[in-house]
Each structure stands twice: as C-alpha cells, then as structure tokens.
C-alpha atoms as a PDB file:
ATOM      1  CA  MET A   1      30.009  75.936  65.315  1.00  0.00           C
ATOM      2  CA  THR A   2      30.596  79.354  63.808  1.00  0.00           C
ATOM      3  CA  ILE A   3      30.395  82.505  65.887  1.00  0.00           C
ATOM      4  CA  ASP A   4      30.141  86.046  64.647  1.00  0.00           C
ATOM      5  CA  ARG A   5      32.089  89.082  65.872  1.00  0.00           C
ATOM      6  CA  ARG A   6      29.475  90.104  68.424  1.00  0.00           C
ATOM      7  CA  GLN A   7      29.383  86.671  70.016  1.00  0.00           C
ATOM      8  CA  PHE A   8      33.173  86.560  70.051  1.00  0.00           C
ATOM      9  CA  THR A   9      33.350  89.989  71.719  1.00  0.00           C
ATOM     10  CA  LYS A  10      30.894  88.894  74.399  1.00  0.00           C
ATOM     11  CA  LEU A  11      32.868  85.722  75.086  1.00  0.00           C
ATOM     12  CA  ALA A  12      36.204  87.522  75.139  1.00  0.00           C
ATOM     13  CA  GLY A  13      34.838  90.227  77.439  1.00  0.00           C
ATOM     14  CA  ALA A  14      33.398  87.672  79.820  1.00  0.00           C
ATOM     15  CA  GLY A  15      36.719  85.820  79.934  1.00  0.00           C
ATOM     16  CA  ALA A  16      38.666  89.002  80.610  1.00  0.00           C
ATOM     17  CA  ALA A  17      36.242  90.037  83.345  1.00  0.00           C
ATOM     18  CA  THR A  18      36.611  86.623  84.971  1.00  0.00           C
ATOM     19  CA  ALA A  19      40.399  86.917  84.961  1.00  0.00           C
ATOM     20  CA  VAL A  20      40.301  90.440  86.427  1.00  0.00           C
ATOM     21  CA  LEU A  21      37.915  89.419  89.196  1.00  0.00           C
ATOM     22  CA  ALA A  22      39.982  86.330  89.987  1.00  0.00           C
ATOM     23  CA  TRP A  23      43.170  88.433  90.165  1.00  0.00           C
ATOM     24  CA  GLN A  24      41.476  90.915  92.500  1.00  0.00           C
ATOM     25  CA  GLN A  25      40.317  88.008  94.658  1.00  0.00           C
ATOM     26  CA  ALA A  26      43.870  86.653  94.723  1.00  0.00           C
ATOM     27  CA  CYS A  27      45.165  90.051  95.867  1.00  0.00           C
ATOM     28  CA  VAL A  28      42.602  90.166  98.672  1.00  0.00           C
ATOM     29  CA  GLN A  29      43.499  86.634  99.765  1.00  0.00           C
ATOM     30  CA  VAL A  30      47.205  87.475  99.901  1.00  0.00           C
ATOM     31  CA  ALA A  31      46.494  90.621 101.909  1.00  0.00           C
ATOM     32  CA  GLU A  32      44.368  88.693 104.401  1.00  0.00           C
ATOM     33  CA  THR A  33      46.134  85.325 104.673  1.00  0.00           C
ATOM     34  CA  GLY A  34      49.418  85.599 102.783  1.00  0.00           C
ATOM     35  CA  GLU A  35      48.315  82.816 100.406  1.00  0.00           C
ATOM     36  CA  VAL A  36      46.165  82.330  97.336  1.00  0.00           C
ATOM     37  CA  SER A  37      43.552  79.594  97.434  1.00  0.00           C
ATOM     38  CA  ALA A  38      43.838  76.694  95.042  1.00  0.00           C
ATOM     39  CA  GLU A  39      40.397  77.475  93.630  1.00  0.00           C
ATOM     40  CA  THR A  40      41.412  81.048  92.730  1.00  0.00           C
ATOM     41  CA  VAL A  41      44.543  79.794  90.974  1.00  0.00           C
ATOM     42  CA  ARG A  42      42.445  77.262  89.045  1.00  0.00           C
ATOM     43  CA  ILE A  43      40.126  80.051  87.891  1.00  0.00           C
ATOM     44  CA  LEU A  44      43.134  82.098  86.744  1.00  0.00           C
ATOM     45  CA  LEU A  45      44.544  79.090  84.909  1.00  0.00           C
ATOM     46  CA  ASP A  46      41.239  78.300  83.230  1.00  0.00           C
ATOM     47  CA  ALA A  47      40.887  81.932  82.116  1.00  0.00           C
ATOM     48  CA  GLN A  48      44.235  81.802  80.295  1.00  0.00           C
ATOM     49  CA  GLY A  49      43.755  78.455  78.581  1.00  0.00           C
ATOM     50  CA  PRO A  50      44.875  74.865  79.138  1.00  0.00           C
ATOM     51  CA  ARG A  51      46.515  74.031  82.456  1.00  0.00           C
ATOM     52  CA  GLY A  52      49.431  72.209  80.869  1.00  0.00           C
ATOM     53  CA  ILE A  53      52.076  71.180  83.399  1.00  0.00           C
ATOM     54  CA  TYR A  54      50.071  72.789  86.194  1.00  0.00           C
ATOM     55  CA  GLY A  55      47.702  69.843  86.119  1.00  0.00           C
ATOM     56  CA  GLU A  56      50.326  68.051  88.210  1.00  0.00           C
ATOM     57  CA  ALA A  57      49.958  68.622  91.957  1.00  0.00           C
ATOM     58  CA  GLU A  58      53.605  69.569  92.559  1.00  0.00           C
ATOM     59  CA  GLU A  59      53.752  72.107  89.724  1.00  0.00           C
ATOM     60  CA  PHE A  60      50.355  73.517  90.686  1.00  0.00           C
ATOM     61  CA  GLU A  61      51.542  74.117  94.256  1.00  0.00           C
ATOM     62  CA  ARG A  62      54.672  75.827  92.930  1.00  0.00           C
ATOM     63  CA  LEU A  63      52.471  78.070  90.773  1.00  0.00           C
ATOM     64  CA  ARG A  64      50.212  78.883  93.732  1.00  0.00           C
ATOM     65  CA  ARG A  65      53.205  80.028  95.777  1.00  0.00           C
ATOM     66  CA  ALA A  66      54.577  81.990  92.809  1.00  0.00           C
ATOM     67  CA  VAL A  67      51.287  83.850  92.318  1.00  0.00           C
ATOM     68  CA  ALA A  68      51.236  84.826  96.004  1.00  0.00           C
ATOM     69  CA  ASN A  69      54.874  85.928  95.807  1.00  0.00           C
ATOM     70  CA  SER A  70      54.194  87.980  92.672  1.00  0.00           C
ATOM     71  CA  ILE A  71      51.325  89.793  94.364  1.00  0.00           C
ATOM     72  CA  GLN A  72      53.446  90.551  97.435  1.00  0.00           C
ATOM     73  CA  ILE A  73      56.278  91.932  95.287  1.00  0.00           C
ATOM     74  CA  SER A  74      53.818  94.039  93.313  1.00  0.00           C
ATOM     75  CA  GLU A  75      52.407  95.527  96.515  1.00  0.00           C
ATOM     76  CA  GLN A  76      55.897  96.292  97.829  1.00  0.00           C
ATOM     77  CA  LEU A  77      56.819  98.067  94.600  1.00  0.00           C
ATOM     78  CA  ARG A  78      53.602 100.071  94.540  1.00  0.00           C
ATOM     79  CA  SER A  79      54.048 101.173  98.155  1.00  0.00           C
ATOM     80  CA  PHE A  80      57.566 102.488  97.524  1.00  0.00           C
ATOM     81  CA  GLU A  81      57.569 106.248  98.029  1.00  0.00           C
ATOM     82  CA  LEU A  82      59.055 108.474  95.332  1.00  0.00           C
ATOM     83  CA  ASP A  83      59.703 112.197  95.431  1.00  0.00           C
ATOM     84  CA  ASP A  84      57.530 114.193  93.073  1.00  0.00           C
ATOM     85  CA  ASP A  85      60.641 115.640  91.425  1.00  0.00           C
ATOM     86  CA  GLU A  86      62.265 112.198  90.931  1.00  0.00           C
ATOM     87  CA  HIS A  87      63.012 111.608  87.254  1.00  0.00           C
ATOM     88  CA  PRO A  88      62.408 108.186  85.706  1.00  0.00           C
ATOM     89  CA  LEU A  89      65.386 106.060  84.719  1.00  0.00           C
ATOM     90  CA  THR A  90      63.789 105.302  81.363  1.00  0.00           C
ATOM     91  CA  ILE A  91      62.096 107.844  79.144  1.00  0.00           C
ATOM     92  CA  PHE A  92      60.036 106.672  76.186  1.00  0.00           C
ATOM     93  CA  ARG A  93      59.872 108.975  73.192  1.00  0.00           C
ATOM     94  CA  ARG A  94      57.934 108.670  69.978  1.00  0.00           C
ATOM     95  CA  GLY A  95      59.529 109.210  66.672  1.00  0.00           C
END
C-alpha cells in the first residue's frame, strides 16, 4: 500500500495527538493516585512503536514505575521557584 504526503501527515498527526493525550492522562493519574495505569503505559508504548522488551510483565512493570517517577520529578522541577533576576547556568548563542 502506498500513501501520499497528505495521508502520511494525517496519520503522523493522529499518532502525535494520541501520545500527547496519553501523556496528559498519565500526568493526571500520577497527580491523583501516584501511579500510572497499565493501559495508559500501553497506549504510550504503542504510540512510539513496538513494545520490545516491555512485552514482558516484569519489564513492563519497571517501565510503569519509571514513567510515574519521571512525571513526579518533572513536576518537582517545574514547581521550583526561581528569582526573576536569576541567570541561567547555560547560555545558548547562535553563530
């Protein structure tokens, strides 16, 4: 089956939207329960491609805990207060 650019763009956009919605759902689940449901992790896995080693129950559970931990760390970093006059440690310059 051959697809053209428009069909590809629609498919890619739908896949990206699915991943974004699943990530937002995972964030809500962590905020409410401290965990991410197995179904949400499966959706995230399916959005990125083959499940690979995460098809095994033990590895999948490790991934589920890691996703929840990643979300918690992200929230902690985003809630860290900075002074408005605080300079960044890294400055990116063009040229």
